[in-house]
Each structure stands twice: as C-alpha cells, then as structure tokens.
Amino acid sequence: MIRPVYIYGSPVLRKVTQDIDSTYPDIKQFIDDMFETMYHSDGVGLAAPQIGLSIRLIVIDASPME
C-alpha cells in the first residue's frame, strides 16, 4: 500500500522517534509498504516518520547507484 509522504515542516518529522523490535505489530507489512511508497516516489531511502510514524525504521535500496 502506498502511504502519504510527509514533507518538510510537518510536525511528525520533529517528534522524537521510538525504538521498535521484531514484535512491532504488522512490521513485515509495514516494511513492504515503505518500500512500495519509496519506489513510487522514485527514492532510494525512506524513514518511518516520513510516512507519519514516529518509530526508528528506515528502508534503503542503493541499487540505482550501482
């Protein structure tokens, strides 16, 4: 699922993020959603706060830079 991307100035980007672990609810689906959103936005990386969640999670695909 492609999620909305929050841009500079959005309050969620200023919040302190929280640590998570593998027991975070629906973590695998959330990571899949992050990759789908990142690819849709032509990005190479995306952090969870950029899609509205104040957790410490980032996805990166540097293969376009090969």
Protein backbone atom coordinates (compact mmCIF):
# COMPACT_ATOMS: atom_id res chain seq x y z
CA MET A 1 0.00 0.00 0.00
CA ILE A 2 1.41 3.37 -0.97
CA ARG A 3 1.29 5.72 2.01
CA PRO A 4 1.24 9.53 2.01
CA VAL A 5 4.67 11.15 2.37
CA TYR A 6 5.04 14.00 4.87
CA ILE A 7 7.24 16.85 3.74
CA TYR A 8 9.49 19.36 5.48
CA GLY A 9 7.56 21.34 8.07
CA SER A 10 5.21 18.52 9.08
CA PRO A 11 5.05 18.18 12.89
CA VAL A 12 5.59 14.40 12.77
CA LEU A 13 9.09 15.00 11.41
CA ARG A 14 10.06 16.86 14.58
CA LYS A 15 8.89 14.21 17.06
CA VAL A 16 11.40 12.00 18.85
CA THR A 17 11.23 8.51 17.40
CA GLN A 18 10.77 5.38 19.48
CA ASP A 19 12.79 2.18 19.29
CA ILE A 20 10.97 -0.88 17.99
CA ASP A 21 11.80 -4.56 17.70
CA SER A 22 10.60 -7.51 15.65
CA THR A 23 7.40 -7.77 17.74
CA TYR A 24 6.10 -4.43 16.44
CA PRO A 25 2.57 -5.07 15.08
CA ASP A 26 2.48 -5.88 11.36
CA ILE A 27 6.16 -4.95 10.94
CA LYS A 28 6.66 -7.03 7.78
CA GLN A 29 3.66 -5.46 6.04
CA PHE A 30 4.76 -2.01 7.17
CA ILE A 31 8.24 -2.56 5.69
CA ASP A 32 6.68 -3.75 2.41
CA ASP A 33 4.50 -0.61 2.38
CA MET A 34 7.57 1.55 2.98
CA PHE A 35 9.42 0.01 0.03
CA GLU A 36 6.37 0.40 -2.21
CA THR A 37 5.99 4.05 -1.17
CA MET A 38 9.71 4.70 -1.67
CA TYR A 39 9.71 3.20 -5.19
CA HIS A 40 6.54 5.09 -6.10
CA SER A 41 8.26 8.33 -5.05
CA ASP A 42 11.44 7.48 -7.01
CA GLY A 43 13.50 7.47 -3.82
CA VAL A 44 16.42 5.39 -2.60
CA GLY A 45 15.55 5.61 1.10
CA LEU A 46 12.58 6.31 3.35
CA ALA A 47 12.27 6.74 7.11
CA ALA A 48 9.11 5.88 9.04
CA PRO A 49 8.49 9.49 10.18
CA GLN A 50 8.27 10.48 6.52
CA ILE A 51 5.09 8.43 6.30
CA GLY A 52 3.70 9.55 9.62
CA LEU A 53 5.02 7.11 12.23
CA SER A 54 7.44 8.21 14.96
CA ILE A 55 9.39 4.96 15.11
CA ARG A 56 13.01 4.17 14.24
CA LEU A 57 12.79 2.34 10.97
CA ILE A 58 14.37 3.08 7.61
CA VAL A 59 14.42 1.28 4.29
CA ILE A 60 17.14 1.79 1.69
CA ASP A 61 17.73 0.47 -1.82
CA ALA A 62 21.03 1.78 -3.18
CA SER A 63 20.98 -0.44 -6.28
CA PRO A 64 20.10 2.53 -8.57
CA MET A 65 23.50 3.99 -7.67
CA GLU A 66 25.46 0.92 -8.83
